[in-house]
Amino acid sequence: MKKYFNLLRVKHYIKNLLVFLPIFFSNNIFNKDKLIVSIARIHYIFTTVFNSLYY
């Protein structure tokens, strides 16, 4: 059972929750345009930061 729990990767759920908290508390979670822009920004920041770690 512990293996299945590890497959759920709960640590990543917590990280994702922290990523979406600002847009949730700004009451823009249902605003499609702002949600798409924030997801794009998050994706850009994470890929830039983590790709720079490999160089």
N, C-alpha and C. Protein backbone atom coordinates (compact mmCIF):
# COMPACT_ATOMS: atom_id res chain seq x y z
N MET A 1 0.82 -1.20 0.00
CA MET A 1 0.00 0.00 0.00
C MET A 1 0.87 1.26 0.00
N LYS A 2 2.00 1.21 0.67
CA LYS A 2 2.88 2.37 0.73
C LYS A 2 3.42 2.72 -0.66
N LYS A 3 3.64 1.71 -1.49
CA LYS A 3 4.11 1.95 -2.84
C LYS A 3 3.09 2.76 -3.64
N TYR A 4 1.82 2.42 -3.45
CA TYR A 4 0.76 3.14 -4.16
C TYR A 4 0.65 4.58 -3.66
N PHE A 5 0.85 4.76 -2.37
CA PHE A 5 0.82 6.11 -1.82
C PHE A 5 1.97 6.94 -2.39
N ASN A 6 3.14 6.33 -2.54
CA ASN A 6 4.29 7.03 -3.13
C ASN A 6 4.03 7.38 -4.59
N LEU A 7 3.28 6.54 -5.27
CA LEU A 7 2.96 6.83 -6.66
C LEU A 7 2.06 8.06 -6.81
N LEU A 8 1.31 8.37 -5.78
CA LEU A 8 0.44 9.56 -5.82
C LEU A 8 1.24 10.85 -5.76
N ARG A 9 2.46 10.78 -5.23
CA ARG A 9 3.37 11.92 -5.14
C ARG A 9 2.71 13.12 -4.46
N VAL A 10 2.34 12.92 -3.22
CA VAL A 10 1.64 13.94 -2.45
C VAL A 10 2.47 15.21 -2.31
N LYS A 11 3.80 15.08 -2.26
CA LYS A 11 4.65 16.28 -2.17
C LYS A 11 4.40 17.21 -3.34
N HIS A 12 4.14 16.65 -4.50
CA HIS A 12 3.89 17.47 -5.68
C HIS A 12 2.52 18.14 -5.60
N TYR A 13 1.57 17.50 -4.93
CA TYR A 13 0.27 18.14 -4.75
C TYR A 13 0.43 19.41 -3.92
N ILE A 14 1.24 19.32 -2.88
CA ILE A 14 1.45 20.48 -2.03
C ILE A 14 2.13 21.60 -2.82
N LYS A 15 3.12 21.25 -3.62
CA LYS A 15 3.81 22.25 -4.44
C LYS A 15 2.82 22.90 -5.41
N ASN A 16 1.99 22.11 -6.05
CA ASN A 16 1.03 22.65 -7.00
C ASN A 16 0.00 23.52 -6.31
N LEU A 17 -0.37 23.16 -5.11
CA LEU A 17 -1.29 24.00 -4.34
C LEU A 17 -0.66 25.36 -4.07
N LEU A 18 0.60 25.39 -3.70
CA LEU A 18 1.28 26.66 -3.44
C LEU A 18 1.39 27.51 -4.70
N VAL A 19 1.49 26.86 -5.84
CA VAL A 19 1.59 27.60 -7.10
C VAL A 19 0.27 28.30 -7.43
N PHE A 20 -0.84 27.64 -7.14
CA PHE A 20 -2.14 28.19 -7.51
C PHE A 20 -2.83 29.00 -6.40
N LEU A 21 -2.23 29.08 -5.25
CA LEU A 21 -2.85 29.87 -4.17
C LEU A 21 -3.03 31.35 -4.51
N PRO A 22 -2.04 32.02 -5.11
CA PRO A 22 -2.24 33.45 -5.40
C PRO A 22 -3.43 33.72 -6.32
N ILE A 23 -3.57 32.93 -7.37
CA ILE A 23 -4.69 33.18 -8.28
C ILE A 23 -6.02 32.79 -7.63
N PHE A 24 -5.98 31.81 -6.74
CA PHE A 24 -7.20 31.41 -6.04
C PHE A 24 -7.67 32.53 -5.11
N PHE A 25 -6.76 33.10 -4.34
CA PHE A 25 -7.14 34.13 -3.38
C PHE A 25 -7.39 35.48 -4.03
N SER A 26 -7.00 35.66 -5.27
CA SER A 26 -7.33 36.90 -5.96
C SER A 26 -8.68 36.81 -6.66
N ASN A 27 -9.39 35.71 -6.44
CA ASN A 27 -10.72 35.46 -7.03
C ASN A 27 -10.70 35.44 -8.55
N ASN A 28 -9.58 35.06 -9.13
CA ASN A 28 -9.47 34.95 -10.58
C ASN A 28 -9.34 33.51 -11.05
N ILE A 29 -9.64 32.57 -10.19
CA ILE A 29 -9.47 31.16 -10.53
C ILE A 29 -10.44 30.75 -11.65
N PHE A 30 -11.57 31.42 -11.75
CA PHE A 30 -12.54 31.08 -12.79
C PHE A 30 -12.46 32.02 -14.00
N ASN A 31 -11.53 32.96 -13.96
CA ASN A 31 -11.29 33.84 -15.09
C ASN A 31 -10.33 33.11 -16.04
N LYS A 32 -10.87 32.65 -17.14
CA LYS A 32 -10.12 31.78 -18.04
C LYS A 32 -8.84 32.44 -18.58
N ASP A 33 -8.93 33.70 -18.96
CA ASP A 33 -7.77 34.38 -19.53
C ASP A 33 -6.63 34.51 -18.51
N LYS A 34 -6.96 34.94 -17.30
CA LYS A 34 -5.93 35.10 -16.28
C LYS A 34 -5.37 33.76 -15.83
N LEU A 35 -6.19 32.72 -15.82
CA LEU A 35 -5.72 31.40 -15.44
C LEU A 35 -4.73 30.87 -16.47
N ILE A 36 -5.03 31.06 -17.74
CA ILE A 36 -4.13 30.59 -18.81
C ILE A 36 -2.81 31.35 -18.76
N VAL A 37 -2.88 32.66 -18.54
CA VAL A 37 -1.65 33.47 -18.46
C VAL A 37 -0.82 33.04 -17.26
N SER A 38 -1.45 32.80 -16.14
CA SER A 38 -0.68 32.41 -14.95
C SER A 38 -0.06 31.03 -15.13
N ILE A 39 -0.76 30.10 -15.76
CA ILE A 39 -0.19 28.78 -16.02
C ILE A 39 0.99 28.90 -16.98
N ALA A 40 0.86 29.74 -17.98
CA ALA A 40 1.96 29.94 -18.93
C ALA A 40 3.17 30.55 -18.24
N ARG A 41 2.95 31.51 -17.36
CA ARG A 41 4.06 32.13 -16.63
C ARG A 41 4.74 31.13 -15.71
N ILE A 42 3.95 30.34 -15.01
CA ILE A 42 4.51 29.34 -14.11
C ILE A 42 5.33 28.33 -14.90
N HIS A 43 4.82 27.90 -16.03
CA HIS A 43 5.54 26.95 -16.88
C HIS A 43 6.86 27.56 -17.35
N TYR A 44 6.82 28.79 -17.79
CA TYR A 44 8.03 29.46 -18.27
C TYR A 44 9.07 29.60 -17.16
N ILE A 45 8.63 30.02 -15.99
CA ILE A 45 9.56 30.21 -14.87
C ILE A 45 10.19 28.89 -14.46
N PHE A 46 9.37 27.86 -14.29
CA PHE A 46 9.90 26.57 -13.87
C PHE A 46 10.85 25.98 -14.90
N THR A 47 10.48 26.03 -16.16
CA THR A 47 11.36 25.46 -17.18
C THR A 47 12.66 26.25 -17.29
N THR A 48 12.59 27.55 -17.18
CA THR A 48 13.80 28.37 -17.25
C THR A 48 14.72 28.08 -16.07
N VAL A 49 14.17 28.04 -14.88
CA VAL A 49 14.98 27.81 -13.69
C VAL A 49 15.59 26.42 -13.71
N PHE A 50 14.77 25.41 -13.97
CA PHE A 50 15.29 24.05 -13.89
C PHE A 50 16.18 23.69 -15.07
N ASN A 51 15.98 24.30 -16.22
CA ASN A 51 16.90 24.06 -17.33
C ASN A 51 18.23 24.75 -17.09
N SER A 52 18.21 25.88 -16.39
CA SER A 52 19.47 26.57 -16.11
C SER A 52 20.31 25.78 -15.10
N LEU A 53 19.69 24.92 -14.32
CA LEU A 53 20.44 24.11 -13.37
C LEU A 53 21.30 23.06 -14.05
N TYR A 54 20.96 22.70 -15.27
CA TYR A 54 21.70 21.66 -15.97
C TYR A 54 22.95 22.19 -16.65
N TYR A 55 23.09 23.51 -16.74
CA TYR A 55 24.27 24.07 -17.42
C TYR A 55 25.35 24.45 -16.48
